[in-house]
């Protein structure tokens, strides 16, 4: 069964120079991952976007049943 990850509504965006990726429920498939621009303690990864491009992040961790 094909899955369209781009229409699931789990999109975060940022154009900040530095932001993080968060996944509050690692191992518990209830809340999708997301981008965060201010809560460094919650980040599981950092994104350095020196050219400040517009970034679209699609969480796919809760799209597959």
Protein backbone atom coordinates (compact mmCIF):
# COMPACT_ATOMS: atom_id res chain seq x y z
CA UNK A 1 0.00 0.00 0.00
CA UNK A 2 1.56 3.34 -1.05
CA UNK A 3 1.86 6.14 1.49
CA UNK A 4 1.93 9.83 0.53
CA UNK A 5 4.05 11.45 3.24
CA UNK A 6 3.47 14.98 1.89
CA UNK A 7 -0.29 15.08 2.50
CA UNK A 8 -0.32 13.78 6.06
CA UNK A 9 -0.27 17.25 7.64
CA UNK A 10 2.88 16.65 9.71
CA UNK A 11 4.92 19.50 8.25
CA UNK A 12 7.16 21.95 10.14
CA UNK A 13 9.02 24.84 8.52
CA UNK A 14 11.90 27.13 9.44
CA UNK A 15 14.28 29.62 7.85
CA UNK A 16 16.34 30.23 11.00
CA UNK A 17 20.12 29.98 10.94
CA UNK A 18 20.04 27.35 13.70
CA UNK A 19 17.17 25.12 14.72
CA UNK A 20 16.62 21.63 16.00
CA UNK A 21 14.68 18.50 15.27
CA UNK A 22 12.65 17.12 18.17
CA UNK A 23 10.95 13.80 18.77
CA UNK A 24 9.22 13.84 22.14
CA UNK A 25 7.95 10.28 21.91
CA UNK A 26 10.84 8.20 20.62
CA UNK A 27 9.64 4.62 20.64
CA UNK A 28 6.02 5.63 21.21
CA UNK A 29 4.29 6.22 17.86
CA UNK A 30 1.89 8.94 19.01
CA UNK A 31 3.45 12.35 18.35
CA UNK A 32 5.31 13.08 15.10
CA UNK A 33 8.78 14.64 15.09
CA UNK A 34 8.95 18.41 14.53
CA UNK A 35 11.28 21.39 14.13
CA UNK A 36 11.97 23.65 17.09
CA UNK A 37 13.67 27.05 17.09
CA UNK A 38 14.07 27.78 20.79
CA UNK A 39 14.05 24.78 23.18
CA UNK A 40 17.62 23.49 22.77
CA UNK A 41 17.22 20.94 25.57
CA UNK A 42 14.59 19.08 23.50
CA UNK A 43 16.67 18.82 20.32
CA UNK A 44 17.83 15.40 19.17
CA UNK A 45 19.63 16.98 16.18
CA UNK A 46 20.82 20.46 15.20
CA UNK A 47 20.41 21.99 11.75
CA UNK A 48 22.88 24.70 10.74
CA UNK A 49 21.21 26.68 7.95
CA UNK A 50 23.82 29.38 7.27
CA UNK A 51 22.17 30.54 4.05
CA UNK A 52 18.79 30.73 5.85
CA UNK A 53 16.92 28.78 3.21
CA UNK A 54 13.29 27.92 3.79
CA UNK A 55 13.27 24.33 5.11
CA UNK A 56 10.21 22.07 5.02
CA UNK A 57 10.37 19.10 7.38
CA UNK A 58 7.87 16.29 6.93
CA UNK A 59 7.57 13.94 9.88
CA UNK A 60 7.02 10.43 8.63
CA UNK A 61 7.29 8.66 11.97
CA UNK A 62 3.51 8.59 12.50
CA UNK A 63 2.33 8.20 8.92
CA UNK A 64 2.54 4.44 8.58
CA UNK A 65 -0.06 2.38 10.42
